[in-house]
Amino acid sequence: MFSGKKVIVLGGAKSGISAAQVLVKLGAEVTLTDIIPLHKMPEPDRSALQQMNIRLVTGSHPVTLLKDADLIVKNPGISPEIDFLQSAKEFGVPWISELELAWLVTSAEVVAITGTNGKTTTTALTGEILACASRPVAVGGNIGIPLTGISFGKGPEWLLVVETSSFQLQDCYQLHPRVAIFTNLTPDHLNRHKSMENYLAAKMRLIQNQDSEDYAVINLDDPILARQSFGRGQRIGFSLQPGEADCYTEDGWFCWRGARVAPTSDLALPGEHNLQNALAAIAAAMVLKLQPEEISRGLRGFAGVEHRLEFAGEFRGIKFYNDSKATNPESTSTALHSFAQKVLLLAGGYDKGAEFSGLVPLFQEKVKHLFTFGDTGEKIRQQVKAGGFAAVTPALDLADAFRLASDMAEKGDIVLLSPACASWDQYANFEERGKHFKALVNTWGGEV
């Protein structure tokens, strides 16, 4: 399929490097172009690229690369509106995402998860449960592991559990998951998609190729998803309440079509949102014919996901939680609902066009004091103060916000990083931001 083809990999980093490595194995002539000069790339990326048998063009995306190109594999973080891709249209060069490439180079069965919030936890939990059965399982995608790195060469006996973002799905055309999971849908990435309709359309690409042998697992508690049509796949609903749902909670049990599957106490993670995540994973497991005891074992063995309400330490009687994965207001709202007491909240970062005034009632109920930082720091501060929440202090950056919160915190308090924004103003990704927060916690705790 790719042997002898001239393929441009647009954008380096994890997904670009992984895509280039697979394409080289398949016999393609690969050119990788990145807007960042090679000498400014992180050392691991730079070394990996220099060791591959590919052409490297860094510091710009020359249009001349398109003259004899057959295909572009695009990093999902790159906007389709950039000049290089607009020129690609004129040259007649198509482009796909790294996710689509991963699908094209495997014959494994795919369970794909999308949504605004809960994707990472649901993906990891689904992988944990499915691994308790007899089939081999690999987990990757937007969860931080490029899918091409784990999909290449895997046969139909394999199950791939994949987190998919709207950015990845936007450039998918043949992706065909056996099971598609939709966790929820709220406004997000509107700076890229321009409207909620476009955002929804990108998400719905996940089910565009499904047929009657496939399954679309839907959160019926989400008002947007509950009223959508899901193509030709079999619609499987999950809900916190019995009723029309196939998978639901009742009397302390996860249930499937009238039968008890596992006690909800098997899941150690707090919050109703995690019960919903578990229901999605259980529904996928049931349609793939897992046994209740296998599902229960998977639930009990799941310890959670790094950067998602992750306990980062307790010092001087103050608890610290890292929720750096909360990159939109709805995710931060979910985090705040997970705590019974008021918290000292650190929020801010890259501006994706979200509004924060809607958080004011919840802040009044759940936030002892708010510390804002990053590009959106002042926007958040102004919006919540205009709404009547006055306990807010601006900070220069995350480290400054952490210092201010730690100085204010008293024994018994909780300091929570749940930014409600992306990280790209000051960090490469939310993982880097979360690791910085945990380093601040450990440094501060070490001073006791």
Protein backbone atom coordinates (compact mmCIF):
# COMPACT_ATOMS: atom_id res chain seq x y z
CA MET A 1 0.00 0.00 0.00
CA PHE A 2 2.83 2.40 0.87
CA SER A 3 5.83 0.77 -0.81
CA GLY A 4 7.49 3.24 -3.15
CA LYS A 5 5.06 6.02 -2.24
CA LYS A 6 6.38 9.47 -1.44
CA VAL A 7 4.88 10.38 1.90
CA ILE A 8 5.22 13.63 3.82
CA VAL A 9 4.93 13.36 7.59
CA LEU A 10 3.76 16.79 8.72
CA GLY A 11 4.91 17.47 12.26
CA GLY A 12 7.39 15.59 14.41
CA ALA A 13 6.96 14.78 18.10
CA LYS A 14 5.63 11.39 19.21
CA SER A 15 3.01 10.73 16.57
CA GLY A 16 5.10 12.01 13.66
CA ILE A 17 8.16 10.00 14.65
CA SER A 18 6.06 6.86 15.10
CA ALA A 19 4.32 7.35 11.74
CA ALA A 20 7.65 7.89 9.97
CA GLN A 21 9.13 4.75 11.51
CA VAL A 22 6.21 2.60 10.31
CA LEU A 23 6.19 4.14 6.84
CA VAL A 24 9.91 3.41 6.43
CA LYS A 25 9.27 -0.23 7.39
CA LEU A 26 6.58 -0.34 4.71
CA GLY A 27 8.97 0.87 2.03
CA ALA A 28 7.76 4.45 1.66
CA GLU A 29 10.03 7.36 0.76
CA VAL A 30 9.49 9.57 3.79
CA THR A 31 10.02 13.30 4.22
CA LEU A 32 9.33 14.64 7.71
CA THR A 33 8.81 18.38 7.98
CA ASP A 34 8.40 20.33 11.20
CA ILE A 35 8.08 24.07 11.74
CA ILE A 36 10.51 23.78 14.69
CA PRO A 37 14.21 23.80 13.71
CA LEU A 38 15.94 20.49 14.43
CA HIS A 39 18.33 21.99 16.99
CA LYS A 40 15.37 23.31 19.04
CA MET A 41 13.58 19.95 19.28
CA PRO A 42 13.77 17.91 22.50
CA GLU A 43 16.86 15.73 22.46
CA PRO A 44 15.01 12.37 22.36
CA ASP A 45 12.98 13.51 19.32
CA ARG A 46 16.04 14.91 17.58
CA SER A 47 18.02 11.72 18.09
CA ALA A 48 15.19 9.49 16.90
CA LEU A 49 14.74 11.52 13.73
CA GLN A 50 18.45 11.63 12.91
CA GLN A 51 18.72 7.85 13.20
CA MET A 52 15.96 7.18 10.65
CA ASN A 53 16.42 6.78 6.94
CA ILE A 54 14.22 9.75 6.06
CA ARG A 55 14.56 13.23 4.62
CA LEU A 56 14.30 15.93 7.29
CA VAL A 57 13.07 19.45 6.52
CA THR A 58 12.77 21.58 9.65
CA GLY A 59 12.19 25.23 10.43
CA SER A 60 9.51 25.60 7.73
CA HIS A 61 7.13 23.68 5.46
CA PRO A 62 8.32 24.42 1.90
CA VAL A 63 5.56 24.18 -0.69
CA THR A 64 8.06 22.59 -3.08
CA LEU A 65 7.76 19.36 -1.05
CA LEU A 66 4.28 18.89 -2.51
CA LYS A 67 5.35 18.67 -6.17
CA ASP A 68 5.85 14.90 -6.22
CA ALA A 69 4.16 13.85 -2.94
CA ASP A 70 1.56 11.06 -2.90
CA LEU A 71 0.24 11.51 0.66
CA ILE A 72 0.57 13.57 3.83
CA VAL A 73 0.31 12.04 7.30
CA LYS A 74 -0.57 15.00 9.54
CA ASN A 75 0.10 15.54 13.21
CA PRO A 76 -3.34 16.06 14.80
CA GLY A 77 -2.23 19.23 16.55
CA ILE A 78 -1.65 21.01 13.24
CA SER A 79 -4.60 23.02 11.95
CA PRO A 80 -5.90 22.04 8.50
CA GLU A 81 -6.03 25.78 7.75
CA ILE A 82 -2.27 26.29 7.53
CA ASP A 83 -0.90 27.49 4.20
CA PHE A 84 0.98 24.25 3.50
CA LEU A 85 -2.22 22.18 3.63
CA GLN A 86 -4.15 24.71 1.61
CA SER A 87 -1.42 24.38 -1.03
CA ALA A 88 -1.71 20.60 -0.76
CA LYS A 89 -5.32 20.93 -1.94
CA GLU A 90 -4.15 22.80 -5.01
CA PHE A 91 -1.54 20.11 -5.75
CA GLY A 92 -4.14 17.38 -5.19
CA VAL A 93 -2.19 15.76 -2.33
CA PRO A 94 -4.52 14.13 0.24
CA TRP A 95 -3.78 13.98 3.93
CA ILE A 96 -4.74 11.64 6.78
CA SER A 97 -4.06 11.55 10.50
CA GLU A 98 -1.61 9.25 12.27
CA LEU A 99 -4.68 7.50 13.68
CA GLU A 100 -5.90 6.68 10.18
CA LEU A 101 -2.45 5.38 9.23
CA ALA A 102 -2.49 3.15 12.31
CA TRP A 103 -5.82 1.69 11.20
CA LEU A 104 -4.53 1.03 7.68
CA VAL A 105 -1.51 -0.98 8.90
CA THR A 106 -3.31 -3.42 11.19
CA SER A 107 -5.97 -6.10 10.99
CA ALA A 108 -6.65 -6.03 14.74
CA GLU A 109 -10.15 -5.39 16.08
CA VAL A 110 -10.52 -1.87 17.44
CA VAL A 111 -12.38 -0.48 20.45
CA ALA A 112 -12.24 3.31 20.05
CA ILE A 113 -13.20 5.88 22.68
CA THR A 114 -14.02 9.54 22.13
CA GLY A 115 -15.84 12.33 23.97
CA THR A 116 -15.00 15.62 25.62
CA ASN A 117 -14.12 14.29 29.07
CA GLY A 118 -13.37 10.88 30.51
CA LYS A 119 -11.67 9.51 27.39
CA THR A 120 -8.35 8.67 28.98
CA THR A 121 -9.77 7.01 32.08
CA THR A 122 -12.32 5.07 30.03
CA THR A 123 -9.64 3.95 27.57
CA ALA A 124 -7.28 2.78 30.29
CA LEU A 125 -10.06 1.05 32.23
CA THR A 126 -11.42 -0.66 29.11
CA GLY A 127 -7.94 -1.94 28.35
CA GLU A 128 -7.54 -3.19 31.93
CA ILE A 129 -10.84 -5.10 31.79
CA LEU A 130 -10.35 -6.58 28.31
CA ALA A 131 -6.87 -7.77 29.28
CA CYS A 132 -8.54 -10.05 31.85
CA ALA A 133 -9.92 -12.21 29.03
CA SER A 134 -8.03 -14.50 26.66
CA ARG A 135 -7.27 -12.13 23.76
CA PRO A 136 -4.10 -10.02 23.61
CA VAL A 137 -4.79 -6.30 24.16
CA ALA A 138 -2.83 -3.13 23.38
CA VAL A 139 -3.79 0.39 24.47
CA GLY A 140 -2.77 3.60 22.70
CA GLY A 141 -3.79 6.65 20.68
CA ASN A 142 -4.46 10.05 22.17
CA ILE A 143 -3.78 8.57 25.62
CA GLY A 144 -0.10 9.42 25.01
CA ILE A 145 1.05 6.36 23.04
CA PRO A 146 1.04 6.81 19.24
CA LEU A 147 -1.18 4.12 17.80
CA THR A 148 1.08 3.36 14.84
CA GLY A 149 3.70 2.21 17.33
CA ILE A 150 1.46 -0.57 18.62
CA SER A 151 -0.90 -1.33 15.74
CA PHE A 152 1.60 -2.18 13.00
CA GLY A 153 1.52 -5.86 12.09
CA LYS A 154 -1.03 -6.97 14.66
CA GLY A 155 -3.44 -9.63 13.44
CA PRO A 156 -7.19 -10.13 13.97
CA GLU A 157 -6.69 -11.96 17.25
CA TRP A 158 -5.61 -8.65 18.82
CA LEU A 159 -7.82 -6.03 20.43
CA LEU A 160 -6.65 -2.42 20.18
CA VAL A 161 -8.17 -0.02 22.70
CA VAL A 162 -7.75 3.48 21.33
CA GLU A 163 -8.41 6.96 22.68
CA THR A 164 -9.39 9.25 19.79
CA SER A 165 -9.58 13.04 19.78
CA SER A 166 -11.57 15.32 17.50
CA PHE A 167 -8.28 16.50 15.98
CA GLN A 168 -7.37 12.92 15.02
CA LEU A 169 -10.84 11.99 13.80
CA GLN A 170 -11.08 15.11 11.64
CA ASP A 171 -8.64 13.49 9.21
CA CYS A 172 -9.94 9.90 9.31
CA TYR A 173 -11.82 8.42 6.38
CA GLN A 174 -11.56 4.62 6.62
CA LEU A 175 -11.31 4.03 10.39
CA HIS A 176 -13.77 1.27 11.31
CA PRO A 177 -13.93 0.35 15.02
CA ARG A 178 -15.81 -2.76 16.10
CA VAL A 179 -16.86 -0.86 19.23
CA ALA A 180 -17.11 2.95 19.38
CA ILE A 181 -17.59 4.57 22.79
CA PHE A 182 -18.86 8.13 23.31
CA THR A 183 -18.31 9.29 26.89
CA ASN A 184 -19.99 12.73 26.70
CA LEU A 185 -20.03 15.88 24.59
CA THR A 186 -19.71 19.50 25.70
CA PRO A 187 -18.21 22.55 23.91
CA ASP A 188 -14.44 22.23 23.51
CA HIS A 189 -11.69 23.14 21.02
CA LEU A 190 -13.96 25.77 19.48
CA ASN A 191 -10.90 27.85 18.59
CA ARG A 192 -10.07 25.06 16.13
CA HIS A 193 -13.50 23.76 15.10
CA LYS A 194 -15.21 27.20 15.09
CA SER A 195 -18.62 25.80 16.09
CA MET A 196 -20.20 23.06 18.17
CA GLU A 197 -21.64 21.59 14.96
CA ASN A 198 -18.16 21.17 13.48
CA TYR A 199 -16.86 19.70 16.73
CA LEU A 200 -19.71 17.18 16.79
CA ALA A 201 -19.15 16.33 13.13
CA ALA A 202 -15.49 15.53 13.83
CA LYS A 203 -16.47 13.23 16.70
CA MET A 204 -19.07 11.45 14.59
CA ARG A 205 -16.41 10.37 12.11
CA LEU A 206 -15.76 7.58 14.60
CA ILE A 207 -18.92 5.74 13.55
CA GLN A 208 -19.14 6.70 9.87
CA ASN A 209 -17.88 3.30 8.63
CA GLN A 210 -19.62 1.07 11.16
CA ASP A 211 -22.11 -1.57 10.01
CA SER A 212 -24.71 -3.80 11.66
CA GLU A 213 -22.01 -6.06 13.15
CA ASP A 214 -20.53 -3.14 15.11
CA TYR A 215 -21.51 -1.35 18.31
CA ALA A 216 -21.88 2.32 19.27
CA VAL A 217 -21.78 2.68 23.07
CA ILE A 218 -23.52 5.91 24.10
CA ASN A 219 -23.85 7.86 27.35
CA LEU A 220 -27.62 8.34 27.66
CA ASP A 221 -27.10 10.77 30.56
CA ASP A 222 -25.55 13.23 28.12
CA PRO A 223 -28.30 15.36 26.52
CA ILE A 224 -26.42 15.96 23.27
CA LEU A 225 -25.47 12.33 22.72
CA ALA A 226 -28.87 10.99 23.75
CA ARG A 227 -30.56 12.69 20.81
CA GLN A 228 -27.98 11.82 18.13
CA SER A 229 -28.28 9.18 15.43
CA PHE A 230 -25.38 6.74 15.42
CA GLY A 231 -25.37 5.29 11.94
CA ARG A 232 -25.62 1.59 11.21
CA GLY A 233 -23.97 0.19 14.33
CA GLN A 234 -25.96 -1.39 17.14
CA ARG A 235 -26.72 1.33 19.70
CA ILE A 236 -25.78 0.37 23.27
CA GLY A 237 -26.80 2.87 25.95
CA PHE A 238 -25.33 3.32 29.42
CA SER A 239 -26.66 5.42 32.27
CA LEU A 240 -26.39 5.91 36.01
CA GLN A 241 -30.10 5.05 36.17
CA PRO A 242 -32.07 2.01 34.96
CA GLY A 243 -34.61 2.58 32.25
CA GLU A 244 -33.75 2.47 28.57
CA ALA A 245 -30.06 1.79 29.21
CA ASP A 246 -28.44 -1.55 28.46
CA CYS A 247 -25.76 -0.94 31.11
CA TYR A 248 -26.55 0.94 34.32
CA THR A 249 -26.07 1.15 38.09
CA GLU A 250 -28.69 -0.05 40.54
CA ASP A 251 -28.54 -0.76 44.29
CA GLY A 252 -24.75 -0.63 44.37
CA TRP A 253 -24.22 -2.82 41.31
CA PHE A 254 -23.12 -2.42 37.72
CA CYS A 255 -25.87 -4.12 35.74
CA TRP A 256 -26.32 -5.35 32.17
CA ARG A 257 -29.82 -5.86 30.79
CA GLY A 258 -31.32 -6.89 34.10
CA ALA A 259 -28.38 -8.95 35.40
CA ARG A 260 -25.82 -7.93 37.99
CA VAL A 261 -22.25 -7.83 36.65
CA ALA A 262 -20.07 -6.45 39.48
CA PRO A 263 -20.51 -4.38 42.65
CA THR A 264 -19.73 -0.68 42.19
CA SER A 265 -17.35 -1.03 45.16
CA ASP A 266 -14.98 -2.92 42.84
CA LEU A 267 -14.09 0.48 41.36
CA ALA A 268 -11.76 2.40 43.66
CA LEU A 269 -12.00 5.76 41.83
CA PRO A 270 -14.25 8.45 43.36
CA GLY A 271 -17.05 10.38 41.67
CA GLU A 272 -20.15 9.71 39.58
CA HIS A 273 -18.17 10.51 36.43
CA ASN A 274 -15.99 7.48 37.10
CA LEU A 275 -19.07 5.30 37.49
CA GLN A 276 -20.06 6.49 34.01
CA ASN A 277 -16.58 5.72 32.70
CA ALA A 278 -16.84 2.24 34.18
CA LEU A 279 -20.28 1.69 32.64
CA ALA A 280 -18.87 2.52 29.21
CA ALA A 281 -16.00 0.07 29.68
CA ILE A 282 -18.33 -2.64 31.00
CA ALA A 283 -20.71 -2.20 28.06
CA ALA A 284 -17.80 -2.68 25.65
CA ALA A 285 -16.69 -5.76 27.54
CA MET A 286 -20.17 -7.27 27.49
CA VAL A 287 -20.66 -6.91 23.73
CA LEU A 288 -17.22 -8.53 23.31
CA LYS A 289 -18.45 -11.50 25.37
CA LEU A 290 -16.40 -11.12 28.55
CA GLN A 291 -17.59 -12.87 31.69
CA PRO A 292 -18.69 -10.96 34.83
CA GLU A 293 -15.79 -12.37 36.86
CA GLU A 294 -13.33 -11.05 34.24
CA ILE A 295 -14.95 -7.61 34.36
CA SER A 296 -14.90 -7.58 38.15
CA ARG A 297 -11.20 -8.48 38.18
CA GLY A 298 -10.43 -5.67 35.76
CA LEU A 299 -12.33 -3.13 37.85
CA ARG A 300 -10.53 -4.16 41.02
CA GLY A 301 -7.13 -3.98 39.35
CA PHE A 302 -7.55 -0.46 38.00
CA ALA A 303 -5.61 2.20 39.90
CA GLY A 304 -6.53 5.23 37.79
CA VAL A 305 -4.69 7.42 35.29
CA GLU A 306 -1.76 9.77 35.80
CA HIS A 307 -2.78 13.46 35.69
CA ARG A 308 -6.47 12.66 36.23
CA LEU A 309 -7.38 13.42 39.87
CA GLU A 310 -4.05 11.87 40.80
CA PHE A 311 -3.08 12.06 44.46
CA ALA A 312 0.25 13.89 44.43
CA GLY A 313 1.12 13.82 48.11
CA GLU A 314 0.26 15.01 51.61
CA PHE A 315 2.54 17.30 53.60
CA ARG A 316 1.83 19.27 56.81
CA GLY A 317 -1.68 17.85 56.69
CA ILE A 318 -2.37 19.39 53.26
CA LYS A 319 -3.34 17.09 50.37
CA PHE A 320 -2.34 17.82 46.77
CA TYR A 321 -4.11 16.49 43.68
CA ASN A 322 -2.92 16.65 40.08
CA ASP A 323 -5.75 16.95 37.55
CA SER A 324 -3.69 18.46 34.73
CA LYS A 325 -5.74 16.44 32.21
CA ALA A 326 -8.67 18.79 32.95
CA THR A 327 -8.29 20.94 29.84
CA ASN A 328 -11.80 22.43 29.73
CA PRO A 329 -14.28 23.90 32.25
CA GLU A 330 -16.53 20.82 32.25
CA SER A 331 -13.63 18.60 33.28
CA THR A 332 -12.75 20.95 36.13
CA SER A 333 -16.39 20.93 37.19
CA THR A 334 -16.25 17.13 37.34
CA ALA A 335 -13.11 17.27 39.48
CA LEU A 336 -14.65 19.72 41.95
CA HIS A 337 -17.72 17.51 42.33
CA SER A 338 -15.41 14.68 43.40
CA PHE A 339 -14.47 16.41 46.68
CA ALA A 340 -16.78 16.81 49.66
CA GLN A 341 -14.97 19.93 50.93
CA LYS A 342 -13.89 23.23 49.44
CA VAL A 343 -10.48 23.24 47.73
CA LEU A 344 -7.76 25.71 46.83
CA LEU A 345 -7.92 25.58 43.05
CA LEU A 346 -5.18 26.32 40.50
CA ALA A 347 -6.62 27.10 37.05
CA GLY A 348 -5.46 28.65 33.78
CA GLY A 349 -3.43 27.98 30.66
CA TYR A 350 -3.90 28.16 26.90
CA ASP A 351 -7.11 29.81 25.69
CA LYS A 352 -9.28 27.45 23.60
CA GLY A 353 -12.14 29.91 23.45
CA ALA A 354 -13.99 28.55 26.48
CA GLU A 355 -16.13 30.63 28.83
CA PHE A 356 -15.66 30.35 32.59
CA SER A 357 -18.51 32.42 34.02
CA GLY A 358 -20.67 29.29 34.18
CA LEU A 359 -18.36 27.88 36.84
CA VAL A 360 -19.18 30.64 39.34
CA PRO A 361 -21.99 28.83 41.23
CA LEU A 362 -19.80 25.74 41.59
CA PHE A 363 -16.81 27.83 42.70
CA GLN A 364 -18.97 29.43 45.38
CA GLU A 365 -19.88 25.97 46.63
CA LYS A 366 -16.60 24.10 46.15
CA VAL A 367 -13.66 26.55 45.99
CA LYS A 368 -12.10 28.12 49.07
CA HIS A 369 -9.78 30.25 46.93
CA LEU A 370 -8.89 30.36 43.23
CA PHE A 371 -5.42 31.05 41.85
CA THR A 372 -5.27 31.84 38.13
CA PHE A 373 -2.24 31.63 35.83
CA GLY A 374 -1.22 31.43 32.19
CA ASP A 375 -2.69 33.06 29.09
CA THR A 376 -6.26 32.69 30.37
CA GLY A 377 -5.50 33.66 33.94
CA GLU A 378 -6.81 37.22 33.68
CA LYS A 379 -9.81 36.15 31.58
CA ILE A 380 -10.84 33.60 34.21
CA ARG A 381 -10.31 36.09 37.03
CA GLN A 382 -12.41 38.77 35.37
CA GLN A 383 -15.25 36.43 34.42
CA VAL A 384 -15.62 34.82 37.85
CA LYS A 385 -15.34 38.17 39.67
CA ALA A 386 -18.01 39.63 37.40
CA GLY A 387 -20.19 36.65 38.37
CA GLY A 388 -19.77 37.35 42.07
CA PHE A 389 -16.86 35.06 43.07
CA ALA A 390 -14.28 37.31 44.70
CA ALA A 391 -11.86 34.81 46.30
CA VAL A 392 -9.42 34.85 43.41
CA THR A 393 -5.74 35.78 43.16
CA PRO A 394 -3.73 36.14 39.92
CA ALA A 395 -0.36 34.42 39.61
CA LEU A 396 2.49 34.75 37.15
CA ASP A 397 2.64 31.05 36.27
CA LEU A 398 1.94 27.62 37.74
CA ALA A 399 4.89 27.76 40.11
CA ASP A 400 3.72 31.12 41.45
CA ALA A 401 0.14 29.87 41.79
CA PHE A 402 1.40 26.82 43.67
CA ARG A 403 3.47 29.00 46.02
CA LEU A 404 0.51 31.28 46.76
CA ALA A 405 -1.84 28.36 47.37
CA SER A 406 0.64 26.50 49.57
CA ASP A 407 1.25 29.61 51.67
CA MET A 408 -2.50 30.04 52.18
CA ALA A 409 -3.30 26.37 52.80
CA GLU A 410 -3.95 25.14 56.33
CA LYS A 411 -3.92 21.66 57.81
CA GLY A 412 -6.85 19.68 56.37
CA ASP A 413 -6.98 21.68 53.12
CA ILE A 414 -6.81 20.33 49.57
CA VAL A 415 -4.76 22.02 46.83
CA LEU A 416 -6.05 20.99 43.42
CA LEU A 417 -4.51 21.62 40.01
CA SER A 418 -7.47 21.37 37.62
CA PRO A 419 -6.68 24.03 35.02
CA ALA A 420 -9.86 24.08 32.86
CA CYS A 421 -7.53 24.99 29.97
CA ALA A 422 -5.01 23.38 27.66
CA SER A 423 -1.31 23.61 28.52
CA TRP A 424 0.16 24.91 25.28
CA ASP A 425 0.88 28.45 26.47
CA GLN A 426 3.71 27.29 28.73
CA TYR A 427 4.03 23.50 28.32
CA ALA A 428 4.33 21.03 25.47
CA ASN A 429 1.36 19.04 26.81
CA PHE A 430 -0.75 18.44 29.91
CA GLU A 431 1.63 15.65 31.01
CA GLU A 432 4.52 18.08 31.24
CA ARG A 433 2.34 20.49 33.22
CA GLY A 434 1.24 17.73 35.59
CA LYS A 435 4.79 16.53 36.14
CA HIS A 436 5.85 20.11 36.94
CA PHE A 437 3.05 20.34 39.53
CA LYS A 438 4.11 17.05 41.12
CA ALA A 439 7.72 18.24 41.21
CA LEU A 440 6.58 21.42 42.98
CA VAL A 441 4.66 19.32 45.51
CA ASN A 442 7.64 17.06 46.19
CA THR A 443 10.04 20.00 46.48
CA TRP A 444 7.70 21.83 48.84
CA GLY A 445 7.13 18.69 50.90
CA GLY A 446 10.85 18.07 51.12
CA GLU A 447 11.29 21.39 52.86
CA VAL A 448 9.32 20.22 55.90
